[in-house]
Amino acid sequence: MGSRSDWRIFVLIIVAGLAIRLLAAIITPEDYLSWEARENYLMRAQSLLDGKLPYRDFWESKPPLWTCLFAIWGKMFGVNVISLKMLIITSEMFFIALLYYFTKIPFHDSKLALISAGFYAFLPMVLFVSAVEGKYESLTFIFFLVALWLILANKTSLAGAVLGIGMGFKFNSALMMVPIILFLLKSDSQPGRKIMGFLFAIVFVLGIILTPFLIIAPDNFFRDAIQNFVIGQGHHPIPYKAISIWGALRQSFHLEAPQYLPHLFQFSLMAFLFWLLWRKHQQITKFSLVMYSYIFITAYLLFIRVGNIQYFCWSIPFLSLIVAYLFDKRRTIPEFRCYLTVLILQTFLVFYTWKNWYHPIGGSLMVILTLAVTGYCLYMVTKLAISESKLQKVLEG
């Protein structure tokens, strides 16, 4: 495929993705807007524009940079629901462009880049979170990808600074620290200095961002920080109790559409990638960093934040790259086709059950498809595990 043809397809992905999001944002009733967007984003931005500091309970919502950014945006376009969604959609389209170039530059494969960008652009789960619920997950993904690119470019301190800024928008960006450190430990003969530089840059940049708010309300700062980021239970209008996947499994027969079931699709892929990496741990490739990122974030979501299905958007950027990679290898590795089937079904089921959570037919369909596809997936993983020649082809890329 020529470069001009690639460019046309890329522009088509951006235009079509933007059009779908704008349409969804306009026609969706405000009732679908998340409580965070309605009670936190809009109110705090307006408070800033009114000359007040809404940070006494600031940790109950989000870190400061998001509120500041939306306040600046609201100054130009107004503080309202459409303005909020426009900012989120704009950042999401920028992220899709970044995902395309992030894939194309280090992996030198335009087809891989187009598949990954297209997968993310048209995934219903992502569209629902941004254009309908008004959550800004994609904004933090920009910092995810830039940090990964800088790590691959051997600029670890700069990657730490970027990740520190990302944590100033949303503390979930801290999840990227673990896969990056794992990658440095396994890919560098003397990783200690790089890891220390990486961590120092994060602490330094984040300290600059948070110090003013620590001074304003130190009691609330530490109290709410512990509630949100240590315990994992912030202030929420509808209190919930986070449960592990094992607890969800025990409750499976008491729910019409168990919330954990779509997670099994993610878990099967995560388990396979983990096995693939550690089976041939001496061979470190660029793609292994993507795999590490997906494995860790998915594990975190499976075992800690299982009660919030929308948080799987955090793993979607890496999932997009993995889907593109598996699709590219479908001819030489036929077993990977089952994973594409798994991911397509998972996407459908997540979106379907989101709007039909307690529908008995939806629950039954979900159980049947989950058991069938997960069983087939595990069978194919076992089949691939005994084929060293095919595994070698995967690792060699």
Protein backbone atom coordinates (compact mmCIF):
# COMPACT_ATOMS: atom_id res chain seq x y z
CA MET A 1 0.00 0.00 0.00
CA GLY A 2 1.50 3.32 -1.07
CA SER A 3 2.05 6.28 1.23
CA ARG A 4 -0.63 8.36 -0.52
CA SER A 5 -3.15 5.56 -0.15
CA ASP A 6 -2.18 5.16 3.52
CA TRP A 7 -2.73 8.86 4.08
CA ARG A 8 -6.18 8.76 2.50
CA ILE A 9 -7.25 5.83 4.65
CA PHE A 10 -5.90 7.57 7.76
CA VAL A 11 -7.82 10.77 6.96
CA LEU A 12 -10.95 8.70 6.34
CA ILE A 13 -10.56 7.05 9.76
CA ILE A 14 -10.21 10.45 11.46
CA VAL A 15 -13.14 12.06 9.61
CA ALA A 16 -15.46 9.08 10.09
CA GLY A 17 -14.48 8.68 13.76
CA LEU A 18 -15.07 12.38 14.37
CA ALA A 19 -18.45 12.35 12.61
CA ILE A 20 -19.70 9.35 14.60
CA ARG A 21 -18.63 10.94 17.89
CA LEU A 22 -20.18 14.30 17.11
CA LEU A 23 -23.44 12.65 16.13
CA ALA A 24 -23.48 10.55 19.31
CA ALA A 25 -22.65 13.59 21.46
CA ILE A 26 -25.44 15.69 19.96
CA ILE A 27 -28.29 13.16 19.85
CA THR A 28 -27.60 11.51 23.22
CA PRO A 29 -29.80 12.78 26.08
CA GLU A 30 -27.99 14.37 29.01
CA ASP A 31 -29.34 11.60 31.23
CA TYR A 32 -26.53 9.38 29.92
CA LEU A 33 -23.87 11.84 31.10
CA SER A 34 -21.76 10.41 33.91
CA TRP A 35 -22.19 11.80 37.42
CA GLU A 36 -18.54 12.89 37.37
CA ALA A 37 -19.07 15.05 34.30
CA ARG A 38 -22.29 16.54 35.62
CA GLU A 39 -21.34 17.15 39.25
CA ASN A 40 -17.58 17.61 39.06
CA TYR A 41 -16.22 18.66 35.68
CA LEU A 42 -18.79 21.35 34.92
CA MET A 43 -19.09 22.73 38.46
CA ARG A 44 -15.36 22.91 39.14
CA ALA A 45 -14.55 24.56 35.83
CA GLN A 46 -17.24 27.18 36.38
CA SER A 47 -15.97 27.74 39.91
CA LEU A 48 -12.49 28.47 38.57
CA LEU A 49 -13.88 30.92 36.01
CA ASP A 50 -15.78 32.64 38.84
CA GLY A 51 -12.49 33.23 40.65
CA LYS A 52 -12.95 30.55 43.30
CA LEU A 53 -10.77 27.57 44.18
CA PRO A 54 -12.87 24.39 44.27
CA TYR A 55 -10.14 22.31 45.79
CA ARG A 56 -11.28 21.62 49.33
CA ASP A 57 -12.73 18.35 48.06
CA PHE A 58 -10.60 18.30 44.95
CA TRP A 59 -9.34 14.71 45.33
CA GLU A 60 -12.90 13.46 45.21
CA SER A 61 -12.88 14.25 41.51
CA LYS A 62 -9.71 14.52 39.45
CA PRO A 63 -6.19 15.96 39.68
CA PRO A 64 -5.86 19.69 38.94
CA LEU A 65 -4.71 19.86 35.32
CA TRP A 66 -7.98 18.53 33.90
CA THR A 67 -10.06 21.15 35.73
CA CYS A 68 -7.68 23.90 34.60
CA LEU A 69 -7.75 22.70 30.98
CA PHE A 70 -11.53 22.51 30.88
CA ALA A 71 -11.80 25.95 32.50
CA ILE A 72 -9.60 27.44 29.75
CA TRP A 73 -11.64 25.62 27.11
CA GLY A 74 -14.87 26.76 28.78
CA LYS A 75 -13.68 30.37 28.72
CA MET A 76 -13.67 30.18 24.91
CA PHE A 77 -16.62 27.87 24.21
CA GLY A 78 -18.71 28.00 27.38
CA VAL A 79 -19.04 25.60 30.31
CA ASN A 80 -21.77 23.22 29.16
CA VAL A 81 -22.26 19.59 28.20
CA ILE A 82 -21.61 20.05 24.47
CA SER A 83 -18.45 22.04 25.17
CA LEU A 84 -17.23 19.33 27.54
CA LYS A 85 -17.84 16.59 24.99
CA MET A 86 -16.16 18.63 22.25
CA LEU A 87 -12.99 18.91 24.34
CA ILE A 88 -13.03 15.18 25.05
CA ILE A 89 -13.68 14.29 21.39
CA THR A 90 -10.92 16.64 20.23
CA SER A 91 -8.41 15.01 22.57
CA GLU A 92 -9.60 11.57 21.44
CA MET A 93 -9.05 12.36 17.76
CA PHE A 94 -5.59 13.69 18.58
CA PHE A 95 -4.88 10.45 20.41
CA ILE A 96 -5.99 8.36 17.41
CA ALA A 97 -3.57 10.30 15.21
CA LEU A 98 -0.86 9.77 17.80
CA LEU A 99 -1.66 6.05 17.96
CA TYR A 100 -1.20 5.84 14.19
CA TYR A 101 2.20 7.54 14.23
CA PHE A 102 3.33 5.75 17.38
CA THR A 103 2.70 2.44 15.63
CA LYS A 104 4.13 3.46 12.28
CA ILE A 105 7.41 4.99 13.46
CA PRO A 106 8.86 2.37 15.85
CA PHE A 107 7.34 -0.66 14.10
CA HIS A 108 7.87 0.61 10.52
CA ASP A 109 4.55 -0.81 9.37
CA SER A 110 1.85 1.47 7.96
CA LYS A 111 -0.71 -1.34 7.71
CA LEU A 112 -0.25 -2.13 11.39
CA ALA A 113 -0.70 1.55 12.20
CA LEU A 114 -3.91 1.85 10.19
CA ILE A 115 -5.43 -1.25 11.79
CA SER A 116 -4.62 -0.09 15.32
CA ALA A 117 -5.96 3.44 14.70
CA GLY A 118 -9.10 2.11 13.02
CA PHE A 119 -9.76 -0.40 15.79
CA TYR A 120 -9.63 2.29 18.45
CA ALA A 121 -11.57 4.86 16.41
CA PHE A 122 -14.61 2.64 15.88
CA LEU A 123 -14.69 0.56 19.05
CA PRO A 124 -18.20 1.11 20.53
CA MET A 125 -16.92 0.91 24.10
CA VAL A 126 -14.53 3.84 23.56
CA LEU A 127 -17.13 5.90 21.72
CA PHE A 128 -19.68 5.38 24.49
CA VAL A 129 -17.30 6.49 27.24
CA SER A 130 -16.23 9.70 25.50
CA ALA A 131 -19.13 10.94 23.37
CA VAL A 132 -21.99 9.67 25.55
CA GLU A 133 -20.76 9.53 29.16
CA GLY A 134 -18.39 12.49 28.84
CA LYS A 135 -15.29 10.89 30.37
CA TYR A 136 -11.84 12.01 29.28
CA GLU A 137 -9.97 8.70 29.31
CA SER A 138 -8.37 9.29 25.90
CA LEU A 139 -6.65 12.44 27.11
CA THR A 140 -4.55 10.42 29.53
CA PHE A 141 -3.77 7.87 26.81
CA ILE A 142 -1.82 10.58 25.01
CA PHE A 143 0.67 10.57 27.87
CA PHE A 144 0.67 6.76 27.87
CA LEU A 145 1.81 6.61 24.27
CA VAL A 146 4.31 9.46 24.44
CA ALA A 147 5.93 7.85 27.48
CA LEU A 148 6.16 4.50 25.69
CA TRP A 149 7.66 6.11 22.60
CA LEU A 150 10.27 7.91 24.71
CA ILE A 151 11.17 4.66 26.49
CA LEU A 152 11.72 2.98 23.12
CA ALA A 153 13.84 6.00 22.13
CA ASN A 154 15.96 5.47 25.28
CA LYS A 155 14.85 8.76 26.88
CA THR A 156 13.72 7.42 30.23
CA SER A 157 13.89 10.64 32.26
CA LEU A 158 11.84 12.53 29.71
CA ALA A 159 9.35 9.65 29.68
CA GLY A 160 9.04 10.01 33.46
CA ALA A 161 8.35 13.74 33.12
CA VAL A 162 5.62 13.09 30.56
CA LEU A 163 4.04 10.44 32.77
CA GLY A 164 4.18 12.88 35.70
CA ILE A 165 2.20 15.41 33.66
CA GLY A 166 -0.25 12.66 32.75
CA MET A 167 -0.75 11.92 36.44
CA GLY A 168 -1.59 15.60 36.87
CA PHE A 169 -4.60 14.94 34.63
CA LYS A 170 -5.54 11.53 35.99
CA PHE A 171 -3.70 9.39 38.50
CA ASN A 172 -4.49 6.25 36.55
CA SER A 173 -1.47 7.20 34.45
CA ALA A 174 0.61 5.80 37.31
CA LEU A 175 -0.34 2.33 36.07
CA MET A 176 2.21 2.73 33.28
CA MET A 177 5.07 2.84 35.77
CA VAL A 178 5.02 -0.92 36.38
CA PRO A 179 5.22 -2.20 32.77
CA ILE A 180 7.88 0.38 31.93
CA ILE A 181 10.02 -0.66 34.90
CA LEU A 182 9.56 -4.34 33.99
CA PHE A 183 10.64 -3.60 30.44
CA LEU A 184 13.73 -1.70 31.61
CA LEU A 185 14.67 -4.52 34.00
CA LYS A 186 14.58 -7.10 31.24
CA SER A 187 15.93 -5.08 28.33
CA ASP A 188 18.88 -3.25 29.89
CA SER A 189 22.05 -4.74 31.37
CA GLN A 190 22.29 -1.97 34.00
CA PRO A 191 18.74 -0.71 34.49
CA GLY A 192 19.17 0.84 37.95
CA ARG A 193 20.24 4.31 36.81
CA LYS A 194 17.52 4.52 34.16
CA ILE A 195 14.81 3.43 36.57
CA MET A 196 15.92 5.93 39.21
CA GLY A 197 15.97 8.73 36.63
CA PHE A 198 12.53 7.69 35.43
CA LEU A 199 11.05 7.69 38.95
CA PHE A 200 12.76 10.92 39.97
CA ALA A 201 11.33 12.72 36.94
CA ILE A 202 7.82 11.54 37.82
CA VAL A 203 8.11 12.66 41.45
CA PHE A 204 9.67 16.01 40.50
CA VAL A 205 7.05 16.97 37.89
CA LEU A 206 4.13 15.70 39.95
CA GLY A 207 5.46 17.53 43.00
CA ILE A 208 5.43 20.82 41.10
CA ILE A 209 1.82 20.21 40.04
CA LEU A 210 0.47 19.14 43.43
CA THR A 211 2.40 21.33 45.89
CA PRO A 212 -0.03 24.31 45.68
CA PHE A 213 -2.96 22.06 46.58
CA LEU A 214 -1.04 20.41 49.39
CA ILE A 215 -0.49 23.87 50.87
CA ILE A 216 -4.14 24.92 50.43
CA ALA A 217 -5.72 21.95 52.23
CA PRO A 218 -3.20 19.44 53.62
CA ASP A 219 -5.77 17.52 55.69
CA ASN A 220 -8.11 16.92 52.77
CA PHE A 221 -5.16 16.28 50.48
CA PHE A 222 -3.90 13.23 52.35
CA ARG A 223 -7.32 11.97 53.45
CA ASP A 224 -8.79 11.95 49.96
CA ALA A 225 -5.57 10.73 48.38
CA ILE A 226 -5.66 7.63 50.58
CA GLN A 227 -9.36 7.06 49.92
CA ASN A 228 -8.98 7.33 46.15
CA PHE A 229 -5.60 5.84 45.36
CA VAL A 230 -4.76 3.47 48.20
CA ILE A 231 -8.13 2.09 49.23
CA GLY A 232 -9.60 2.58 45.75
CA GLN A 233 -12.90 3.94 47.08
CA GLY A 234 -13.43 7.65 46.65
CA HIS A 235 -16.52 9.71 47.34
CA HIS A 236 -19.24 8.43 45.06
CA PRO A 237 -22.97 9.27 45.09
CA ILE A 238 -23.74 5.52 44.88
CA PRO A 239 -21.32 3.63 47.16
CA TYR A 240 -20.10 0.33 45.81
CA LYS A 241 -17.91 -2.45 47.11
CA ALA A 242 -15.08 -3.53 44.85
CA ILE A 243 -14.79 -7.30 44.54
CA SER A 244 -12.14 -9.52 43.06
CA ILE A 245 -12.75 -11.72 40.06
CA TRP A 246 -12.87 -14.71 42.40
CA GLY A 247 -15.71 -13.12 44.33
CA ALA A 248 -17.49 -12.42 41.06
CA LEU A 249 -17.06 -16.03 40.00
CA ARG A 250 -18.71 -17.22 43.20
CA GLN A 251 -21.67 -14.94 42.54
CA SER A 252 -22.01 -15.81 38.86
CA PHE A 253 -25.08 -18.02 39.18
CA HIS A 254 -26.97 -15.37 41.13
CA LEU A 255 -26.80 -12.69 38.41
CA GLU A 256 -28.70 -12.51 35.13
CA ALA A 257 -25.83 -10.84 33.29
CA PRO A 258 -22.68 -11.17 35.43
CA GLN A 259 -20.44 -8.18 35.05
CA TYR A 260 -17.24 -10.16 35.21
CA LEU A 261 -17.94 -12.31 32.13
CA PRO A 262 -16.60 -9.92 29.46
CA HIS A 263 -13.43 -9.76 31.55
CA LEU A 264 -12.76 -13.43 30.83
CA PHE A 265 -12.06 -12.54 27.22
CA GLN A 266 -9.48 -10.04 28.38
CA PHE A 267 -8.10 -12.53 30.87
CA SER A 268 -7.57 -15.24 28.24
CA LEU A 269 -5.60 -12.87 26.02
CA MET A 270 -3.65 -11.52 28.99
CA ALA A 271 -2.71 -15.03 30.11
CA PHE A 272 -1.50 -15.98 26.65
CA LEU A 273 0.64 -12.85 26.25
CA PHE A 274 2.12 -13.36 29.71
CA TRP A 275 3.05 -16.94 28.80
CA LEU A 276 4.46 -15.78 25.46
CA LEU A 277 6.72 -13.19 27.08
CA TRP A 278 8.09 -15.33 29.88
CA ARG A 279 8.42 -18.49 27.78
CA LYS A 280 11.10 -16.76 25.73
CA HIS A 281 12.10 -14.07 28.18
CA GLN A 282 15.57 -13.64 26.73
CA GLN A 283 14.15 -12.21 23.51
CA ILE A 284 13.05 -8.64 24.17
CA THR A 285 11.36 -6.81 21.32
CA LYS A 286 9.65 -3.45 20.93
CA PHE A 287 6.32 -5.18 20.92
CA SER A 288 6.99 -6.74 24.30
CA LEU A 289 6.63 -3.30 25.93
CA VAL A 290 3.12 -3.08 24.51
CA MET A 291 2.40 -6.58 25.83
CA TYR A 292 3.72 -5.72 29.29
CA SER A 293 1.49 -2.64 29.36
CA TYR A 294 -1.62 -4.54 28.38
CA ILE A 295 -0.93 -7.41 30.77
CA PHE A 296 -0.40 -5.24 33.83
CA ILE A 297 -3.27 -2.82 33.25
CA THR A 298 -5.66 -5.66 32.44
CA ALA A 299 -4.56 -7.55 35.56
CA TYR A 300 -5.17 -4.43 37.65
CA LEU A 301 -8.65 -4.06 36.19
CA LEU A 302 -9.49 -7.73 36.60
CA PHE A 303 -8.47 -8.07 40.22
CA ILE A 304 -8.99 -4.57 41.66
CA ARG A 305 -11.45 -2.51 39.60
CA VAL A 306 -13.66 -5.35 38.40
CA GLY A 307 -16.82 -3.49 39.35
CA ASN A 308 -16.27 -0.75 36.75
CA ILE A 309 -16.35 -2.08 33.23
CA GLN A 310 -15.67 1.31 31.61
CA TYR A 311 -12.17 1.29 33.09
CA PHE A 312 -11.18 -1.26 30.46
CA CYS A 313 -10.74 1.74 28.19
CA TRP A 314 -7.34 2.10 29.87
CA SER A 315 -6.15 -1.09 28.19
CA ILE A 316 -7.72 -0.37 24.79
CA PRO A 317 -4.71 1.54 23.29
CA PHE A 318 -2.49 -1.49 23.84
CA LEU A 319 -5.28 -3.82 22.82
CA SER A 320 -5.50 -1.91 19.52
CA LEU A 321 -1.83 -2.55 18.83
CA ILE A 322 -2.15 -6.21 19.78
CA VAL A 323 -5.18 -6.71 17.55
CA ALA A 324 -3.32 -5.12 14.65
CA TYR A 325 -0.30 -7.32 15.30
CA LEU A 326 -2.35 -10.49 15.51
CA PHE A 327 -4.25 -9.55 12.37
CA ASP A 328 -0.98 -8.98 10.55
CA LYS A 329 0.22 -12.46 11.64
CA ARG A 330 -2.99 -14.27 10.75
CA ARG A 331 -1.45 -15.97 7.69
CA THR A 332 1.65 -17.39 9.35
CA ILE A 333 -0.01 -18.04 12.71
CA PRO A 334 -3.56 -19.33 11.99
CA GLU A 335 -4.23 -19.87 15.71
CA PHE A 336 -4.33 -16.13 16.25
CA ARG A 337 -7.60 -15.93 14.35
CA CYS A 338 -9.42 -17.17 17.43
CA TYR A 339 -8.23 -14.09 19.32
CA LEU A 340 -9.72 -11.79 16.74
CA THR A 341 -13.00 -13.66 17.19
CA VAL A 342 -12.69 -13.30 20.95
CA LEU A 343 -12.08 -9.57 20.76
CA ILE A 344 -14.94 -8.94 18.35
CA LEU A 345 -17.37 -10.85 20.57
CA GLN A 346 -16.03 -9.14 23.66
CA THR A 347 -16.62 -5.73 22.09
CA PHE A 348 -20.19 -6.64 21.18
CA LEU A 349 -20.97 -8.09 24.60
CA VAL A 350 -19.53 -5.18 26.55
CA PHE A 351 -21.54 -2.70 24.53
CA TYR A 352 -24.69 -4.85 24.59
CA THR A 353 -24.71 -5.58 28.30
CA TRP A 354 -23.96 -1.97 29.12
CA LYS A 355 -27.44 -1.00 27.93
CA ASN A 356 -29.21 -4.31 28.68
CA TRP A 357 -27.62 -5.18 31.98
CA TYR A 358 -30.52 -7.04 33.56
CA HIS A 359 -32.09 -8.45 30.41
CA PRO A 360 -32.42 -12.24 30.94
CA ILE A 361 -31.89 -13.05 27.24
CA GLY A 362 -28.79 -10.86 27.17
CA GLY A 363 -27.46 -12.58 30.28
CA SER A 364 -28.04 -16.07 28.88
CA LEU A 365 -26.47 -15.16 25.54
CA MET A 366 -23.50 -13.69 27.34
CA VAL A 367 -22.94 -16.83 29.41
CA ILE A 368 -23.16 -19.17 26.40
CA LEU A 369 -20.86 -17.13 24.17
CA THR A 370 -18.38 -16.56 26.97
CA LEU A 371 -18.04 -20.23 27.81
CA ALA A 372 -17.87 -21.30 24.17
CA VAL A 373 -15.34 -18.75 22.97
CA THR A 374 -13.19 -18.84 26.09
CA GLY A 375 -13.04 -22.64 25.88
CA TYR A 376 -12.04 -22.49 22.23
CA CYS A 377 -9.47 -19.82 23.01
CA LEU A 378 -7.85 -21.92 25.73
CA TYR A 379 -7.78 -24.90 23.37
CA MET A 380 -5.95 -22.88 20.71
CA VAL A 381 -3.48 -21.53 23.28
CA THR A 382 -2.68 -25.10 24.33
CA LYS A 383 -2.25 -26.10 20.71
CA LEU A 384 0.09 -23.19 20.06
CA ALA A 385 2.08 -23.89 23.22
CA ILE A 386 3.32 -27.23 21.87
CA SER A 387 4.43 -25.73 18.57
CA GLU A 388 7.87 -24.18 19.10
CA SER A 389 8.32 -23.29 15.45
CA LYS A 390 5.22 -21.10 15.40
CA LEU A 391 6.18 -19.48 18.68
CA GLN A 392 9.58 -18.63 17.24
CA LYS A 393 7.94 -16.90 14.27
CA VAL A 394 5.90 -14.74 16.63
CA LEU A 395 8.89 -13.66 18.68
CA GLU A 396 10.96 -12.88 15.61
CA GLY A 397 8.15 -10.67 14.31
